PDB file of N, CA and C in Angstrom:
ATOM      1  N   UNK A   1      38.811  60.853 -65.771  1.00  0.00           N
ATOM      2  CA  UNK A   1      38.412  59.881 -66.909  1.00  0.00           C
ATOM      3  C   UNK A   1      37.566  58.631 -66.566  1.00  0.00           C
ATOM      4  N   UNK A   2      36.905  58.097 -67.968  1.00  0.00           N
ATOM      5  CA  UNK A   2      36.564  56.513 -67.255  1.00  0.00           C
ATOM      6  C   UNK A   2      36.576  56.341 -68.428  1.00  0.00           C
ATOM      7  N   UNK A   3      36.765  54.298 -68.897  1.00  0.00           N
ATOM      8  CA  UNK A   3      36.785  53.188 -69.658  1.00  0.00           C
ATOM      9  C   UNK A   3      36.006  52.952 -69.419  1.00  0.00           C
ATOM     10  N   UNK A   4      35.108  52.999 -69.929  1.00  0.00           N
ATOM     11  CA  UNK A   4      33.836  51.382 -70.149  1.00  0.00           C
ATOM     12  C   UNK A   4      34.112  50.489 -71.233  1.00  0.00           C
ATOM     13  N   UNK A   5      34.079  49.270 -70.472  1.00  0.00           N
ATOM     14  CA  UNK A   5      34.590  48.050 -70.971  1.00  0.00           C
ATOM     15  C   UNK A   5      33.629  47.194 -71.528  1.00  0.00           C
ATOM     16  N   UNK A   6      33.293  46.409 -72.609  1.00  0.00           N
ATOM     17  CA  UNK A   6      32.532  45.162 -72.687  1.00  0.00           C
ATOM     18  C   UNK A   6      32.749  44.655 -73.761  1.00  0.00           C
ATOM     19  N   UNK A   7      32.067  43.150 -73.311  1.00  0.00           N
ATOM     20  CA  UNK A   7      32.998  41.830 -74.666  1.00  0.00           C
ATOM     21  C   UNK A   7      31.686  41.645 -75.133  1.00  0.00           C
ATOM     22  N   UNK A   8      32.057  41.347 -76.360  1.00  0.00           N
ATOM     23  CA  UNK A   8      30.610  40.633 -77.181  1.00  0.00           C
ATOM     24  C   UNK A   8      31.142  39.510 -78.120  1.00  0.00           C
ATOM     25  N   UNK A   9      30.862  37.893 -78.192  1.00  0.00           N
ATOM     26  CA  UNK A   9      31.341  37.121 -79.191  1.00  0.00           C
ATOM     27  C   UNK A   9      30.429  36.446 -80.138  1.00  0.00           C
ATOM     28  N   UNK A  10      30.950  36.466 -81.254  1.00  0.00           N
ATOM     29  CA  UNK A  10      30.108  35.926 -81.800  1.00  0.00           C
ATOM     30  C   UNK A  10      31.015  34.720 -82.774  1.00  0.00           C
ATOM     31  N   UNK A  11      29.666  34.016 -83.606  1.00  0.00           N
ATOM     32  CA  UNK A  11      30.876  33.020 -84.437  1.00  0.00           C
ATOM     33  C   UNK A  11      31.835  33.364 -85.162  1.00  0.00           C
ATOM     34  N   UNK A  12      32.735  32.610 -85.746  1.00  0.00           N
ATOM     35  CA  UNK A  12      33.507  33.064 -86.780  1.00  0.00           C
ATOM     36  C   UNK A  12      32.652  33.169 -87.717  1.00  0.00           C
ATOM     37  N   UNK A  13      31.547  32.816 -88.630  1.00  0.00           N
ATOM     38  CA  UNK A  13      30.990  33.457 -89.184  1.00  0.00           C
ATOM     39  C   UNK A  13      30.246  34.850 -89.554  1.00  0.00           C
ATOM     40  N   UNK A  14      29.881  34.995 -88.256  1.00  0.00           N
ATOM     41  CA  UNK A  14      28.875  36.202 -88.013  1.00  0.00           C
ATOM     42  C   UNK A  14      30.211  37.360 -87.637  1.00  0.00           C
ATOM     43  N   UNK A  15      31.037  37.236 -87.077  1.00  0.00           N
ATOM     44  CA  UNK A  15      32.489  38.399 -87.170  1.00  0.00           C
ATOM     45  C   UNK A  15      32.416  39.394 -87.906  1.00  0.00           C
ATOM     46  N   UNK A  16      32.550  38.882 -89.423  1.00  0.00           N
ATOM     47  CA  UNK A  16      32.634  40.262 -90.409  1.00  0.00           C
ATOM     48  C   UNK A  16      31.167  41.018 -90.198  1.00  0.00           C
ATOM     49  N   UNK A  17      30.027  40.420 -89.967  1.00  0.00           N
ATOM     50  CA  UNK A  17      28.707  40.892 -90.336  1.00  0.00           C
ATOM     51  C   UNK A  17      28.455  41.550 -88.602  1.00  0.00           C
ATOM     52  N   UNK A  18      29.090  41.723 -87.223  1.00  0.00           N
ATOM     53  CA  UNK A  18      29.236  42.262 -86.451  1.00  0.00           C
ATOM     54  C   UNK A  18      29.885  43.695 -86.667  1.00  0.00           C
ATOM     55  N   UNK A  19      30.902  43.182 -86.882  1.00  0.00           N
ATOM     56  CA  UNK A  19      31.768  44.322 -87.001  1.00  0.00           C
ATOM     57  C   UNK A  19      31.566  45.476 -88.287  1.00  0.00           C
ATOM     58  N   UNK A  20      30.144  44.947 -89.275  1.00  0.00           N
ATOM     59  CA  UNK A  20      29.940  46.079 -89.473  1.00  0.00           C
ATOM     60  C   UNK A  20      29.035  46.792 -88.927  1.00  0.00           C
ATOM     61  N   UNK A  21      27.932  46.171 -87.969  1.00  0.00           N
ATOM     62  CA  UNK A  21      27.338  46.606 -87.647  1.00  0.00           C
ATOM     63  C   UNK A  21      27.445  47.476 -86.247  1.00  0.00           C
ATOM     64  N   UNK A  22      28.952  47.053 -85.761  1.00  0.00           N
ATOM     65  CA  UNK A  22      29.729  48.276 -84.784  1.00  0.00           C
ATOM     66  C   UNK A  22      29.890  48.944 -85.471  1.00  0.00           C
ATOM     67  N   UNK A  23      30.677  49.053 -86.524  1.00  0.00           N
ATOM     68  CA  UNK A  23      31.430  50.377 -86.581  1.00  0.00           C
ATOM     69  C   UNK A  23      30.596  51.229 -87.738  1.00  0.00           C
ATOM     70  N   UNK A  24      29.245  50.403 -88.739  1.00  0.00           N
ATOM     71  CA  UNK A  24      28.486  51.249 -89.525  1.00  0.00           C
ATOM     72  C   UNK A  24      27.260  51.848 -88.853  1.00  0.00           C
ATOM     73  N   UNK A  25      26.834  51.389 -87.559  1.00  0.00           N
ATOM     74  CA  UNK A  25      25.653  51.097 -87.449  1.00  0.00           C
ATOM     75  C   UNK A  25      25.421  51.819 -85.915  1.00  0.00           C
ATOM     76  N   UNK A  26      26.242  50.958 -85.026  1.00  0.00           N
ATOM     77  CA  UNK A  26      25.856  51.265 -83.384  1.00  0.00           C
ATOM     78  C   UNK A  26      26.394  52.013 -83.096  1.00  0.00           C
ATOM     79  N   UNK A  27      28.452  52.855 -83.093  1.00  0.00           N
ATOM     80  CA  UNK A  27      28.774  53.403 -83.013  1.00  0.00           C
ATOM     81  C   UNK A  27      28.797  54.896 -83.727  1.00  0.00           C
ATOM     82  N   UNK A  28      28.305  54.880 -84.974  1.00  0.00           N
ATOM     83  CA  UNK A  28      28.038  56.227 -85.562  1.00  0.00           C
ATOM     84  C   UNK A  28      26.836  56.562 -84.629  1.00  0.00           C
ATOM     85  N   UNK A  29      25.362  55.817 -83.874  1.00  0.00           N
ATOM     86  CA  UNK A  29      24.857  56.277 -83.842  1.00  0.00           C
ATOM     87  C   UNK A  29      24.753  56.975 -82.647  1.00  0.00           C
ATOM     88  N   UNK A  30      25.318  56.575 -81.748  1.00  0.00           N
ATOM     89  CA  UNK A  30      26.142  56.724 -80.417  1.00  0.00           C
ATOM     90  C   UNK A  30      26.749  57.895 -80.372  1.00  0.00           C
ATOM     91  N   UNK A  31      28.163  57.891 -81.231  1.00  0.00           N
ATOM     92  CA  UNK A  31      28.414  59.773 -81.503  1.00  0.00           C
ATOM     93  C   UNK A  31      27.510  60.542 -81.921  1.00  0.00           C
ATOM     94  N   UNK A  32      26.470  59.943 -83.162  1.00  0.00           N
ATOM     95  CA  UNK A  32      25.799  61.530 -82.883  1.00  0.00           C
ATOM     96  C   UNK A  32      24.487  61.720 -81.559  1.00  0.00           C
ATOM     97  N   UNK A  33      24.925  61.169 -80.989  1.00  0.00           N
ATOM     98  CA  UNK A  33      23.704  61.591 -79.822  1.00  0.00           C
ATOM     99  C   UNK A  33      24.036  62.993 -79.385  1.00  0.00           C
ATOM    100  N   UNK A  34      25.469  63.526 -79.471  1.00  0.00           N
ATOM    101  CA  UNK A  34      26.203  64.162 -79.089  1.00  0.00           C
ATOM    102  C   UNK A  34      25.780  64.790 -77.490  1.00  0.00           C
ATOM    103  N   UNK A  35      26.485  63.595 -76.652  1.00  0.00           N
ATOM    104  CA  UNK A  35      26.594  63.509 -75.573  1.00  0.00           C
ATOM    105  C   UNK A  35      27.765  63.821 -74.535  1.00  0.00           C
ATOM    106  N   UNK A  36      27.207  65.412 -73.867  1.00  0.00           N
ATOM    107  CA  UNK A  36      28.361  66.009 -73.479  1.00  0.00           C
ATOM    108  C   UNK A  36      29.454  64.982 -72.659  1.00  0.00           C
ATOM    109  N   UNK A  37      30.247  64.864 -72.827  1.00  0.00           N
ATOM    110  CA  UNK A  37      31.514  64.144 -71.797  1.00  0.00           C
ATOM    111  C   UNK A  37      32.075  62.624 -72.978  1.00  0.00           C
ATOM    112  N   UNK A  38      31.124  62.280 -73.900  1.00  0.00           N
ATOM    113  CA  UNK A  38      31.850  61.071 -74.722  1.00  0.00           C
ATOM    114  C   UNK A  38      32.444  61.630 -75.227  1.00  0.00           C
ATOM    115  N   UNK A  39      33.962  60.780 -75.409  1.00  0.00           N
ATOM    116  CA  UNK A  39      35.059  60.887 -75.773  1.00  0.00           C
ATOM    117  C   UNK A  39      35.170  60.258 -77.190  1.00  0.00           C
ATOM    118  N   UNK A  40      34.482  59.230 -77.151  1.00  0.00           N
ATOM    119  CA  UNK A  40      35.087  58.398 -78.094  1.00  0.00           C
ATOM    120  C   UNK A  40      34.816  56.672 -77.916  1.00  0.00           C
ATOM    121  N   UNK A  41      35.766  55.935 -78.756  1.00  0.00           N
ATOM    122  CA  UNK A  41      35.313  54.325 -78.393  1.00  0.00           C
ATOM    123  C   UNK A  41      36.786  54.033 -79.343  1.00  0.00           C
ATOM    124  N   UNK A  42      36.658  52.754 -79.069  1.00  0.00           N
ATOM    125  CA  UNK A  42      37.921  51.387 -79.208  1.00  0.00           C
ATOM    126  C   UNK A  42      37.313  50.394 -79.438  1.00  0.00           C
ATOM    127  N   UNK A  43      37.499  50.126 -80.642  1.00  0.00           N
ATOM    128  CA  UNK A  43      36.967  48.209 -80.927  1.00  0.00           C
ATOM    129  C   UNK A  43      38.086  47.454 -80.925  1.00  0.00           C
ATOM    130  N   UNK A  44      38.081  46.774 -80.804  1.00  0.00           N
ATOM    131  CA  UNK A  44      39.085  45.388 -80.301  1.00  0.00           C
ATOM    132  C   UNK A  44      38.334  44.089 -80.949  1.00  0.00           C
ATOM    133  N   UNK A  45      39.416  43.229 -81.638  1.00  0.00           N
ATOM    134  CA  UNK A  45      38.735  42.348 -82.570  1.00  0.00           C
ATOM    135  C   UNK A  45      39.554  40.434 -82.002  1.00  0.00           C
ATOM    136  N   UNK A  46      39.308  39.335 -81.405  1.00  0.00           N
ATOM    137  CA  UNK A  46      40.246  38.546 -81.241  1.00  0.00           C
ATOM    138  C   UNK A  46      39.782  37.458 -81.821  1.00  0.00           C
ATOM    139  N   UNK A  47      40.288  37.018 -83.063  1.00  0.00           N
ATOM    140  CA  UNK A  47      39.986  35.477 -83.763  1.00  0.00           C
ATOM    141  C   UNK A  47      40.352  34.253 -82.834  1.00  0.00           C
ATOM    142  N   UNK A  48      39.803  33.156 -83.128  1.00  0.00           N
ATOM    143  CA  UNK A  48      40.228  31.990 -82.275  1.00  0.00           C
ATOM    144  C   UNK A  48      39.956  31.343 -80.976  1.00  0.00           C
ATOM    145  N   UNK A  49      38.996  32.370 -80.588  1.00  0.00           N
ATOM    146  CA  UNK A  49      38.808  32.356 -79.153  1.00  0.00           C
ATOM    147  C   UNK A  49      37.350  31.028 -79.193  1.00  0.00           C
ATOM    148  N   UNK A  50      37.456  30.356 -77.920  1.00  0.00           N
ATOM    149  CA  UNK A  50      36.719  29.008 -77.255  1.00  0.00           C
ATOM    150  C   UNK A  50      35.682  29.452 -76.609  1.00  0.00           C
ATOM    151  N   UNK A  51      34.289  29.193 -76.788  1.00  0.00           N
ATOM    152  CA  UNK A  51      33.425  29.735 -76.098  1.00  0.00           C
ATOM    153  C   UNK A  51      32.972  28.896 -75.249  1.00  0.00           C
ATOM    154  N   UNK A  52      32.139  29.170 -74.179  1.00  0.00           N
ATOM    155  CA  UNK A  52      31.678  27.962 -72.689  1.00  0.00           C
ATOM    156  C   UNK A  52      31.656  26.674 -73.519  1.00  0.00           C
ATOM    157  N   UNK A  53      30.609  26.879 -74.474  1.00  0.00           N
ATOM    158  CA  UNK A  53      30.489  25.736 -75.015  1.00  0.00           C
ATOM    159  C   UNK A  53      31.349  24.839 -75.605  1.00  0.00           C
ATOM    160  N   UNK A  54      32.432  25.358 -75.811  1.00  0.00           N
ATOM    161  CA  UNK A  54      33.811  24.602 -76.524  1.00  0.00           C
ATOM    162  C   UNK A  54      33.165  24.845 -77.863  1.00  0.00           C
ATOM    163  N   UNK A  55      32.765  25.783 -78.647  1.00  0.00           N
ATOM    164  CA  UNK A  55      32.976  26.360 -79.785  1.00  0.00           C
ATOM    165  C   UNK A  55      33.499  27.350 -80.097  1.00  0.00           C
ATOM    166  N   UNK A  56      33.946  27.565 -81.630  1.00  0.00           N
ATOM    167  CA  UNK A  56      34.679  28.487 -81.905  1.00  0.00           C
ATOM    168  C   UNK A  56      34.082  30.191 -81.593  1.00  0.00           C
ATOM    169  N   UNK A  57      34.289  30.728 -81.390  1.00  0.00           N
ATOM    170  CA  UNK A  57      34.366  32.120 -81.240  1.00  0.00           C
ATOM    171  C   UNK A  57      35.382  33.152 -81.776  1.00  0.00           C
ATOM    172  N   UNK A  58      34.621  34.736 -82.014  1.00  0.00           N
ATOM    173  CA  UNK A  58      35.410  35.064 -82.166  1.00  0.00           C
ATOM    174  C   UNK A  58      34.530  36.558 -81.286  1.00  0.00           C
ATOM    175  N   UNK A  59      35.852  36.752 -80.541  1.00  0.00           N
ATOM    176  CA  UNK A  59      35.631  38.316 -79.459  1.00  0.00           C
ATOM    177  C   UNK A  59      36.193  39.464 -79.873  1.00  0.00           C
ATOM    178  N   UNK A  60      34.860  40.601 -79.534  1.00  0.00           N
ATOM    179  CA  UNK A  60      35.054  41.702 -79.595  1.00  0.00           C
ATOM    180  C   UNK A  60      34.976  42.427 -78.048  1.00  0.00           C
ATOM    181  N   UNK A  61      35.799  43.811 -77.599  1.00  0.00           N
ATOM    182  CA  UNK A  61      35.923  44.207 -76.704  1.00  0.00           C
ATOM    183  C   UNK A  61      35.603  45.626 -77.240  1.00  0.00           C
ATOM    184  N   UNK A  62      34.847  46.397 -76.771  1.00  0.00           N
ATOM    185  CA  UNK A  62      34.772  48.002 -76.990  1.00  0.00           C
ATOM    186  C   UNK A  62      34.898  48.884 -75.880  1.00  0.00           C
ATOM    187  N   UNK A  63      35.777  49.867 -75.918  1.00  0.00           N
ATOM    188  CA  UNK A  63      36.176  50.386 -74.946  1.00  0.00           C
ATOM    189  C   UNK A  63      35.851  51.723 -75.239  1.00  0.00           C
ATOM    190  N   UNK A  64      34.790  52.371 -74.870  1.00  0.00           N
ATOM    191  CA  UNK A  64      34.335  53.799 -74.731  1.00  0.00           C
ATOM    192  C   UNK A  64      34.953  54.691 -73.242  1.00  0.00           C
ATOM    193  N   UNK A  65      35.322  55.897 -73.796  1.00  0.00           N
ATOM    194  CA  UNK A  65      35.556  57.192 -73.175  1.00  0.00           C
ATOM    195  C   UNK A  65      34.881  57.938 -72.796  1.00  0.00           C
ATOM    196  N   UNK A  66      34.457  58.258 -71.343  1.00  0.00           N
ATOM    197  CA  UNK A  66      34.053  58.773 -70.632  1.00  0.00           C
ATOM    198  C   UNK A  66      34.885  60.021 -69.812  1.00  0.00           C
ATOM    199  N   UNK A  67      34.545  61.476 -70.101  1.00  0.00           N
ATOM    200  CA  UNK A  67      34.985  62.469 -68.935  1.00  0.00           C
ATOM    201  C   UNK A  67      34.841  62.272 -67.346  1.00  0.00           C
ATOM    202  N   UNK A  68      33.818  61.626 -67.207  1.00  0.00           N
ATOM    203  CA  UNK A  68      33.478  61.093 -65.664  1.00  0.00           C
ATOM    204  C   UNK A  68      32.111  60.429 -65.631  1.00  0.00           C
ATOM    205  N   UNK A  69      32.275  59.566 -64.534  1.00  0.00           N
ATOM    206  CA  UNK A  69      31.657  58.184 -64.437  1.00  0.00           C
ATOM    207  C   UNK A  69      29.748  58.680 -64.399  1.00  0.00           C
ATOM    208  N   UNK A  70      29.616  60.109 -64.315  1.00  0.00           N
ATOM    209  CA  UNK A  70      28.302  60.653 -64.143  1.00  0.00           C
ATOM    210  C   UNK A  70      27.763  60.555 -65.202  1.00  0.00           C
ATOM    211  N   UNK A  71      28.688  60.987 -66.245  1.00  0.00           N
ATOM    212  CA  UNK A  71      28.266  61.657 -67.654  1.00  0.00           C
ATOM    213  C   UNK A  71      27.650  60.138 -68.382  1.00  0.00           C
ATOM    214  N   UNK A  72      28.364  59.006 -67.975  1.00  0.00           N
ATOM    215  CA  UNK A  72      27.859  57.347 -68.664  1.00  0.00           C
ATOM    216  C   UNK A  72      26.215  57.348 -68.460  1.00  0.00           C
ATOM    217  N   UNK A  73      25.704  57.725 -67.596  1.00  0.00           N
ATOM    218  CA  UNK A  73      24.140  57.562 -66.879  1.00  0.00           C
ATOM    219  C   UNK A  73      23.434  58.671 -68.270  1.00  0.00           C
ATOM    220  N   UNK A  74      24.286  59.696 -69.253  1.00  0.00           N
ATOM    221  CA  UNK A  74      23.455  59.936 -70.297  1.00  0.00           C
ATOM    222  C   UNK A  74      22.912  58.937 -71.758  1.00  0.00           C
ATOM    223  N   UNK A  75      23.551  57.955 -71.754  1.00  0.00           N
ATOM    224  CA  UNK A  75      24.158  56.949 -72.261  1.00  0.00           C
ATOM    225  C   UNK A  75      23.066  55.724 -71.825  1.00  0.00           C
ATOM    226  N   UNK A  76      23.359  55.488 -70.941  1.00  0.00           N
ATOM    227  CA  UNK A  76      22.670  54.350 -70.648  1.00  0.00           C
ATOM    228  C   UNK A  76      21.125  54.174 -69.963  1.00  0.00           C
ATOM    229  N   UNK A  77      21.734  55.555 -68.923  1.00  0.00           N
ATOM    230  CA  UNK A  77      20.408  55.931 -67.763  1.00  0.00           C
ATOM    231  C   UNK A  77      20.776  55.623 -66.460  1.00  0.00           C
ATOM    232  N   UNK A  78      20.432  55.651 -65.355  1.00  0.00           N
ATOM    233  CA  UNK A  78      20.752  56.144 -63.907  1.00  0.00           C
ATOM    234  C   UNK A  78      21.335  54.594 -63.544  1.00  0.00           C
ATOM    235  N   UNK A  79      21.501  53.072 -64.033  1.00  0.00           N
ATOM    236  CA  UNK A  79      21.988  51.847 -63.806  1.00  0.00           C
ATOM    237  C   UNK A  79      23.402  52.065 -65.292  1.00  0.00           C
ATOM    238  N   UNK A  80      24.013  52.805 -64.498  1.00  0.00           N
ATOM    239  CA  UNK A  80      25.012  52.715 -65.738  1.00  0.00           C
ATOM    240  C   UNK A  80      26.003  51.380 -66.344  1.00  0.00           C
ATOM    241  N   UNK A  81      25.957  50.797 -65.587  1.00  0.00           N
ATOM    242  CA  UNK A  81      26.461  49.650 -65.985  1.00  0.00           C
ATOM    243  C   UNK A  81      26.219  48.619 -66.839  1.00  0.00           C
ATOM    244  N   UNK A  82      24.633  48.922 -67.483  1.00  0.00           N
ATOM    245  CA  UNK A  82      23.763  47.631 -68.096  1.00  0.00           C
ATOM    246  C   UNK A  82      24.129  47.968 -69.706  1.00  0.00           C
ATOM    247  N   UNK A  83      24.553  46.654 -69.977  1.00  0.00           N
ATOM    248  CA  UNK A  83      24.930  47.017 -71.337  1.00  0.00           C
ATOM    249  C   UNK A  83      23.933  47.564 -72.322  1.00  0.00           C
ATOM    250  N   UNK A  84      24.289  48.066 -73.420  1.00  0.00           N
ATOM    251  CA  UNK A  84      23.864  48.552 -74.426  1.00  0.00           C
ATOM    252  C   UNK A  84      23.921  47.896 -75.967  1.00  0.00           C
ATOM    253  N   UNK A  85      23.210  46.854 -75.718  1.00  0.00           N
ATOM    254  CA  UNK A  85      22.863  46.066 -77.506  1.00  0.00           C
ATOM    255  C   UNK A  85      21.950  46.440 -78.419  1.00  0.00           C
ATOM    256  N   UNK A  86      22.186  46.538 -78.736  1.00  0.00           N
ATOM    257  CA  UNK A  86      20.461  46.945 -80.075  1.00  0.00           C
ATOM    258  C   UNK A  86      20.530  46.348 -80.614  1.00  0.00           C
ATOM    259  N   UNK A  87      18.827  45.866 -81.070  1.00  0.00           N
ATOM    260  CA  UNK A  87      18.707  44.537 -81.868  1.00  0.00           C
ATOM    261  C   UNK A  87      19.386  43.933 -82.969  1.00  0.00           C
ATOM    262  N   UNK A  88      19.472  45.248 -83.657  1.00  0.00           N
ATOM    263  CA  UNK A  88      20.772  44.701 -84.686  1.00  0.00           C
ATOM    264  C   UNK A  88      21.533  43.919 -84.605  1.00  0.00           C
ATOM    265  N   UNK A  89      22.608  44.270 -83.251  1.00  0.00           N
ATOM    266  CA  UNK A  89      23.373  43.676 -82.956  1.00  0.00           C
ATOM    267  C   UNK A  89      23.774  42.338 -82.263  1.00  0.00           C
ATOM    268  N   UNK A  90      22.354  42.244 -81.511  1.00  0.00           N
ATOM    269  CA  UNK A  90      21.556  41.019 -80.957  1.00  0.00           C
ATOM    270  C   UNK A  90      21.677  39.898 -82.248  1.00  0.00           C
ATOM    271  N   UNK A  91      21.260  40.023 -83.206  1.00  0.00           N
ATOM    272  CA  UNK A  91      21.265  39.245 -84.303  1.00  0.00           C
ATOM    273  C   UNK A  91      22.013  38.473 -84.661  1.00  0.00           C
ATOM    274  N   UNK A  92      23.485  39.157 -84.473  1.00  0.00           N
ATOM    275  CA  UNK A  92      25.034  38.697 -85.164  1.00  0.00           C
ATOM    276  C   UNK A  92      25.710  38.374 -83.648  1.00  0.00           C
ATOM    277  N   UNK A  93      25.751  38.859 -82.440  1.00  0.00           N
ATOM    278  CA  UNK A  93      26.138  38.338 -81.700  1.00  0.00           C
ATOM    279  C   UNK A  93      25.803  36.710 -81.365  1.00  0.00           C
ATOM    280  N   UNK A  94      26.612  36.045 -80.762  1.00  0.00           N
ATOM    281  CA  UNK A  94      26.341  34.783 -80.275  1.00  0.00           C
ATOM    282  C   UNK A  94      25.444  34.878 -78.537  1.00  0.00           C
ATOM    283  N   UNK A  95      26.817  35.997 -77.970  1.00  0.00           N
ATOM    284  CA  UNK A  95      26.732  36.207 -76.623  1.00  0.00           C
ATOM    285  C   UNK A  95      27.106  37.259 -75.892  1.00  0.00           C
ATOM    286  N   UNK A  96      27.049  37.722 -75.224  1.00  0.00           N
ATOM    287  CA  UNK A  96      27.641  39.171 -74.672  1.00  0.00           C
ATOM    288  C   UNK A  96      27.760  39.797 -73.398  1.00  0.00           C
ATOM    289  N   UNK A  97      28.199  40.545 -72.661  1.00  0.00           N
ATOM    290  CA  UNK A  97      28.080  40.768 -71.160  1.00  0.00           C
ATOM    291  C   UNK A  97      27.234  41.389 -71.008  1.00  0.00           C
ATOM    292  N   UNK A  98      26.279  41.269 -69.971  1.00  0.00           N
ATOM    293  CA  UNK A  98      25.024  41.812 -69.384  1.00  0.00           C
ATOM    294  C   UNK A  98      25.216  43.276 -68.988  1.00  0.00           C
ATOM    295  N   UNK A  99      26.856  43.263 -68.609  1.00  0.00           N
ATOM    296  CA  UNK A  99      26.836  44.296 -67.551  1.00  0.00           C
ATOM    297  C   UNK A  99      28.488  45.219 -68.626  1.00  0.00           C
ATOM    298  N   UNK A 100      28.550  46.188 -68.137  1.00  0.00           N
ATOM    299  CA  UNK A 100      29.937  47.090 -68.661  1.00  0.00           C
ATOM    300  C   UNK A 100      30.783  47.273 -67.447  1.00  0.00           C
ATOM    301  N   UNK A 101      32.084  47.192 -67.781  1.00  0.00           N
ATOM    302  CA  UNK A 101      32.717  47.654 -66.418  1.00  0.00           C
ATOM    303  C   UNK A 101      33.547  48.879 -66.628  1.00  0.00           C
ATOM    304  N   UNK A 102      33.584  49.140 -65.804  1.00  0.00           N
ATOM    305  CA  UNK A 102      34.089  51.086 -65.619  1.00  0.00           C
ATOM    306  C   UNK A 102      35.323  50.684 -65.030  1.00  0.00           C
ATOM    307  N   UNK A 103      36.542  51.611 -65.786  1.00  0.00           N
ATOM    308  CA  UNK A 103      37.540  51.906 -64.697  1.00  0.00           C
ATOM    309  C   UNK A 103      38.021  53.259 -64.796  1.00  0.00           C
ATOM    310  N   UNK A 104      38.609  53.802 -63.628  1.00  0.00           N
ATOM    311  CA  UNK A 104      38.686  55.218 -63.371  1.00  0.00           C
ATOM    312  C   UNK A 104      40.536  54.787 -64.395  1.00  0.00           C
ATOM    313  N   UNK A 105      40.561  56.008 -65.256  1.00  0.00           N
ATOM    314  CA  UNK A 105      42.200  56.062 -66.445  1.00  0.00           C
ATOM    315  C   UNK A 105      43.078  56.313 -65.631  1.00  0.00           C
ATOM    316  N   UNK A 106      43.926  56.142 -65.137  1.00  0.00           N
ATOM    317  CA  UNK A 106      45.282  56.666 -64.389  1.00  0.00           C
ATOM    318  C   UNK A 106      46.128  56.889 -64.828  1.00  0.00           C
ATOM    319  N   UNK A 107      46.026  56.940 -66.481  1.00  0.00           N
ATOM    320  CA  UNK A 107      47.014  57.441 -67.590  1.00  0.00           C
ATOM    321  C   UNK A 107      46.460  57.435 -69.185  1.00  0.00           C
ATOM    322  N   UNK A 108      46.951  58.006 -69.875  1.00  0.00           N
ATOM    323  CA  UNK A 108      46.444  58.392 -70.912  1.00  0.00           C
ATOM    324  C   UNK A 108      47.506  59.030 -71.709  1.00  0.00           C
ATOM    325  N   UNK A 109      47.361  58.656 -72.900  1.00  0.00           N
ATOM    326  CA  UNK A 109      48.094  59.321 -74.221  1.00  0.00           C
ATOM    327  C   UNK A 109      47.364  60.688 -74.514  1.00  0.00           C
ATOM    328  N   UNK A 110      48.331  61.520 -74.851  1.00  0.00           N
ATOM    329  CA  UNK A 110      47.723  63.172 -75.348  1.00  0.00           C
ATOM    330  C   UNK A 110      46.557  63.172 -76.189  1.00  0.00           C
ATOM    331  N   UNK A 111      46.265  61.851 -76.949  1.00  0.00           N
ATOM    332  CA  UNK A 111      45.274  62.140 -77.671  1.00  0.00           C
ATOM    333  C   UNK A 111      43.869  61.379 -76.769  1.00  0.00           C
ATOM    334  N   UNK A 112      44.033  60.994 -76.027  1.00  0.00           N
ATOM    335  CA  UNK A 112      42.330  60.700 -75.208  1.00  0.00           C
ATOM    336  C   UNK A 112      42.099  60.831 -74.208  1.00  0.00           C
ATOM    337  N   UNK A 113      43.326  62.482 -74.005  1.00  0.00           N
ATOM    338  CA  UNK A 113      42.756  63.297 -72.857  1.00  0.00           C
ATOM    339  C   UNK A 113      41.452  64.560 -73.003  1.00  0.00           C
ATOM    340  N   UNK A 114      40.606  64.727 -72.554  1.00  0.00           N
ATOM    341  CA  UNK A 114      39.722  65.701 -72.714  1.00  0.00           C
ATOM    342  C   UNK A 114      40.014  66.909 -73.043  1.00  0.00           C
ATOM    343  N   UNK A 115      39.915  67.823 -73.776  1.00  0.00           N
ATOM    344  CA  UNK A 115      40.043  69.304 -73.334  1.00  0.00           C
ATOM    345  C   UNK A 115      41.248  69.547 -74.557  1.00  0.00           C
TER     346      UNK A 115
END
């Protein structure tokens, strides 16, 4: 199993709007693709972070779960580390990772295992 991890940052004022876009638009669209090997996602939110410009930010982390690295290409294409940031999300994000990191999962609870 592979965990695909990505970070995005908003201003505190845009945090709720981004969360609504992520959970109400972006993730349902991804789930609706019916990709083989896509197991779901988790969204994490952290208030009170400081950006490189010294301004207040809210950090979001998404963790997407796939059965194998090869299946991630169904999601974003041959360059599997490129970020997927739809225009609707870009409008409320302050900054984001241009690339996602992929990790081989060494252990996982039963609810996160394929099959």
